[in-house]
Amino acid sequence: MIQLLLILALIVCVILVLIVLIQNPKGGGLSSNFSSSSQLMGVQKTGDFLEKGTWGFAIVLMVLAMAINVAVKGGISSGSDNGGSNAEKLHKPAATQPSPFSGGGAGKASSGTPANAPAPKPVK
């Protein structure tokens, strides 16, 4: 599904680029090449057609971008092969280790925690 949406978005991008390149910034563009009297469409109609095509393909591209975003996020949140998504790993609390200052006994040093250090003397 994602590949189909990406291919459609790529085709729409190419068509949109071609339509924009055909247009002349001053309103001539493709319509300036039709100077014969046997025109199928008038100058104004060609400009309107290209402008409507530009807007149409731009809107289609935006909708495709949002659809690709939804499709990709839906694929990640449904789970992956490596035991869960990154979002799930971020929200899991880390394994906590006991603090050496949590009252493990005066002067007792366990193999995994440092020994209790004497408190510094207050400065007068």
C-alpha atoms as a PDB file:
ATOM      1  CA  MET A   1       0.000   0.000   0.000  1.00  0.00           C
ATOM      2  CA  ILE A   2       2.795   2.382   0.925  1.00  0.00           C
ATOM      3  CA  GLN A   3       4.653   1.615  -2.302  1.00  0.00           C
ATOM      4  CA  LEU A   4       1.533   2.410  -4.352  1.00  0.00           C
ATOM      5  CA  LEU A   5       1.079   5.735  -2.556  1.00  0.00           C
ATOM      6  CA  LEU A   6       4.748   6.605  -3.054  1.00  0.00           C
ATOM      7  CA  ILE A   7       4.577   5.823  -6.787  1.00  0.00           C
ATOM      8  CA  LEU A   8       1.407   7.917  -7.149  1.00  0.00           C
ATOM      9  CA  ALA A   9       3.052  10.804  -5.286  1.00  0.00           C
ATOM     10  CA  LEU A  10       6.095  10.601  -7.547  1.00  0.00           C
ATOM     11  CA  ILE A  11       3.930  10.664 -10.691  1.00  0.00           C
ATOM     12  CA  VAL A  12       1.938  13.625  -9.354  1.00  0.00           C
ATOM     13  CA  CYS A  13       5.202  15.460  -8.575  1.00  0.00           C
ATOM     14  CA  VAL A  14       6.515  14.973 -12.103  1.00  0.00           C
ATOM     15  CA  ILE A  15       3.229  16.127 -13.648  1.00  0.00           C
ATOM     16  CA  LEU A  16       3.112  19.137 -11.337  1.00  0.00           C
ATOM     17  CA  VAL A  17       6.661  20.127 -12.261  1.00  0.00           C
ATOM     18  CA  LEU A  18       5.842  19.852 -15.967  1.00  0.00           C
ATOM     19  CA  ILE A  19       2.685  21.952 -15.602  1.00  0.00           C
ATOM     20  CA  VAL A  20       4.551  24.642 -13.684  1.00  0.00           C
ATOM     21  CA  LEU A  21       7.380  24.695 -16.239  1.00  0.00           C
ATOM     22  CA  ILE A  22       4.916  25.028 -19.127  1.00  0.00           C
ATOM     23  CA  GLN A  23       3.451  28.175 -17.608  1.00  0.00           C
ATOM     24  CA  ASN A  24       5.001  31.554 -18.281  1.00  0.00           C
ATOM     25  CA  PRO A  25       5.216  33.807 -15.226  1.00  0.00           C
ATOM     26  CA  LYS A  26       3.676  36.661 -17.207  1.00  0.00           C
ATOM     27  CA  GLY A  27       0.721  34.650 -18.427  1.00  0.00           C
ATOM     28  CA  GLY A  28       2.028  33.649 -21.865  1.00  0.00           C
ATOM     29  CA  GLY A  29       3.511  30.169 -21.459  1.00  0.00           C
ATOM     30  CA  LEU A  30       1.891  27.467 -23.535  1.00  0.00           C
ATOM     31  CA  SER A  31      -0.824  29.812 -24.711  1.00  0.00           C
ATOM     32  CA  SER A  32       1.726  32.038 -26.500  1.00  0.00           C
ATOM     33  CA  ASN A  33       2.576  29.137 -28.837  1.00  0.00           C
ATOM     34  CA  PHE A  34      -1.030  28.945 -30.084  1.00  0.00           C
ATOM     35  CA  SER A  35      -1.069  31.977 -32.328  1.00  0.00           C
ATOM     36  CA  SER A  36      -2.962  30.486 -35.265  1.00  0.00           C
ATOM     37  CA  SER A  37      -6.590  31.328 -35.829  1.00  0.00           C
ATOM     38  CA  SER A  38      -7.719  27.689 -35.639  1.00  0.00           C
ATOM     39  CA  GLN A  39      -7.277  27.251 -31.920  1.00  0.00           C
ATOM     40  CA  LEU A  40      -9.172  24.653 -29.992  1.00  0.00           C
ATOM     41  CA  MET A  41      -8.887  26.618 -26.779  1.00  0.00           C
ATOM     42  CA  GLY A  42      -8.384  30.338 -26.436  1.00  0.00           C
ATOM     43  CA  VAL A  43      -5.464  31.979 -24.661  1.00  0.00           C
ATOM     44  CA  GLN A  44      -7.470  32.616 -21.524  1.00  0.00           C
ATOM     45  CA  LYS A  45      -8.863  29.074 -21.476  1.00  0.00           C
ATOM     46  CA  THR A  46      -5.355  27.576 -21.726  1.00  0.00           C
ATOM     47  CA  GLY A  47      -4.161  29.710 -18.825  1.00  0.00           C
ATOM     48  CA  ASP A  48      -7.193  28.767 -16.757  1.00  0.00           C
ATOM     49  CA  PHE A  49      -6.685  25.087 -17.562  1.00  0.00           C
ATOM     50  CA  LEU A  50      -3.024  25.183 -16.502  1.00  0.00           C
ATOM     51  CA  GLU A  51      -3.836  27.112 -13.331  1.00  0.00           C
ATOM     52  CA  LYS A  52      -6.609  24.693 -12.366  1.00  0.00           C
ATOM     53  CA  GLY A  53      -4.311  21.783 -13.143  1.00  0.00           C
ATOM     54  CA  THR A  54      -1.607  23.262 -10.913  1.00  0.00           C
ATOM     55  CA  TRP A  55      -4.016  23.715  -8.022  1.00  0.00           C
ATOM     56  CA  GLY A  56      -5.540  20.276  -8.543  1.00  0.00           C
ATOM     57  CA  PHE A  57      -2.248  18.413  -8.611  1.00  0.00           C
ATOM     58  CA  ALA A  58      -0.949  20.418  -5.637  1.00  0.00           C
ATOM     59  CA  ILE A  59      -4.004  19.402  -3.598  1.00  0.00           C
ATOM     60  CA  VAL A  60      -3.652  15.769  -4.707  1.00  0.00           C
ATOM     61  CA  LEU A  61       0.011  15.844  -3.672  1.00  0.00           C
ATOM     62  CA  MET A  62      -0.882  17.196  -0.213  1.00  0.00           C
ATOM     63  CA  VAL A  63      -3.542  14.510   0.273  1.00  0.00           C
ATOM     64  CA  LEU A  64      -1.101  11.817  -0.842  1.00  0.00           C
ATOM     65  CA  ALA A  65       1.526  13.128   1.582  1.00  0.00           C
ATOM     66  CA  MET A  66      -0.937  12.910   4.468  1.00  0.00           C
ATOM     67  CA  ALA A  67      -2.044   9.419   3.386  1.00  0.00           C
ATOM     68  CA  ILE A  68       1.576   8.238   3.237  1.00  0.00           C
ATOM     69  CA  ASN A  69       2.166   9.686   6.707  1.00  0.00           C
ATOM     70  CA  VAL A  70      -0.841   7.843   8.126  1.00  0.00           C
ATOM     71  CA  ALA A  71       0.102   4.602   6.358  1.00  0.00           C
ATOM     72  CA  VAL A  72       3.697   4.698   7.600  1.00  0.00           C
ATOM     73  CA  LYS A  73       2.754   5.560  11.185  1.00  0.00           C
ATOM     74  CA  GLY A  74       0.107   2.833  11.168  1.00  0.00           C
ATOM     75  CA  GLY A  75       2.710   0.303  10.051  1.00  0.00           C
ATOM     76  CA  ILE A  76       5.142   1.221  12.814  1.00  0.00           C
ATOM     77  CA  SER A  77       2.621   1.244  15.656  1.00  0.00           C
ATOM     78  CA  SER A  78       1.286  -2.204  14.737  1.00  0.00           C
ATOM     79  CA  GLY A  79       4.599  -3.738  15.794  1.00  0.00           C
ATOM     80  CA  SER A  80       7.814  -4.731  14.123  1.00  0.00           C
ATOM     81  CA  ASP A  81      10.023  -7.792  13.890  1.00  0.00           C
ATOM     82  CA  ASN A  82      12.584  -6.624  16.446  1.00  0.00           C
ATOM     83  CA  GLY A  83      10.271  -6.824  19.443  1.00  0.00           C
ATOM     84  CA  GLY A  84       8.399  -3.532  19.361  1.00  0.00           C
ATOM     85  CA  SER A  85       8.609  -0.092  17.952  1.00  0.00           C
ATOM     86  CA  ASN A  86      10.896   2.708  19.047  1.00  0.00           C
ATOM     87  CA  ALA A  87       7.931   4.607  20.476  1.00  0.00           C
ATOM     88  CA  GLU A  88       7.146   1.710  22.807  1.00  0.00           C
ATOM     89  CA  LYS A  89      10.780   1.541  23.938  1.00  0.00           C
ATOM     90  CA  LEU A  90      10.799   5.247  24.741  1.00  0.00           C
ATOM     91  CA  HIS A  91       7.800   4.962  27.040  1.00  0.00           C
ATOM     92  CA  LYS A  92       9.075   1.951  28.997  1.00  0.00           C
ATOM     93  CA  PRO A  93      10.650   2.915  32.333  1.00  0.00           C
ATOM     94  CA  ALA A  94      14.284   1.988  32.717  1.00  0.00           C
ATOM     95  CA  ALA A  95      15.233  -0.705  35.188  1.00  0.00           C
ATOM     96  CA  THR A  96      16.089   1.002  38.449  1.00  0.00           C
ATOM     97  CA  GLN A  97      19.065   0.112  40.601  1.00  0.00           C
ATOM     98  CA  PRO A  98      19.126   0.668  44.321  1.00  0.00           C
ATOM     99  CA  SER A  99      20.784   3.885  45.383  1.00  0.00           C
ATOM    100  CA  PRO A 100      23.931   3.626  47.505  1.00  0.00           C
ATOM    101  CA  PHE A 101      22.397   6.299  49.754  1.00  0.00           C
ATOM    102  CA  SER A 102      19.161   4.437  50.414  1.00  0.00           C
ATOM    103  CA  GLY A 103      20.245   3.061  53.762  1.00  0.00           C
ATOM    104  CA  GLY A 104      21.968  -0.180  52.922  1.00  0.00           C
ATOM    105  CA  GLY A 105      23.560  -0.289  56.372  1.00  0.00           C
ATOM    106  CA  ALA A 106      26.368   1.717  57.935  1.00  0.00           C
ATOM    107  CA  GLY A 107      29.759   0.654  56.695  1.00  0.00           C
ATOM    108  CA  LYS A 108      28.477  -2.343  54.752  1.00  0.00           C
ATOM    109  CA  ALA A 109      29.651  -2.461  51.178  1.00  0.00           C
ATOM    110  CA  SER A 110      27.980  -4.852  48.806  1.00  0.00           C
ATOM    111  CA  SER A 111      29.707  -6.109  45.703  1.00  0.00           C
ATOM    112  CA  GLY A 112      27.662  -3.896  43.323  1.00  0.00           C
ATOM    113  CA  THR A 113      27.462  -0.653  45.320  1.00  0.00           C
ATOM    114  CA  PRO A 114      30.222   1.655  46.547  1.00  0.00           C
ATOM    115  CA  ALA A 115      31.039   1.919  50.234  1.00  0.00           C
ATOM    116  CA  ASN A 116      29.507   4.728  52.236  1.00  0.00           C
ATOM    117  CA  ALA A 117      31.898   7.696  52.329  1.00  0.00           C
ATOM    118  CA  PRO A 118      32.145   9.854  55.465  1.00  0.00           C
ATOM    119  CA  ALA A 119      30.252  13.125  55.338  1.00  0.00           C
ATOM    120  CA  PRO A 120      32.334  16.253  54.802  1.00  0.00           C
ATOM    121  CA  LYS A 121      32.937  18.482  57.843  1.00  0.00           C
ATOM    122  CA  PRO A 122      30.951  21.737  57.858  1.00  0.00           C
ATOM    123  CA  VAL A 123      32.943  24.908  57.307  1.00  0.00           C
ATOM    124  CA  LYS A 124      32.673  27.526  60.049  1.00  0.00           C
END
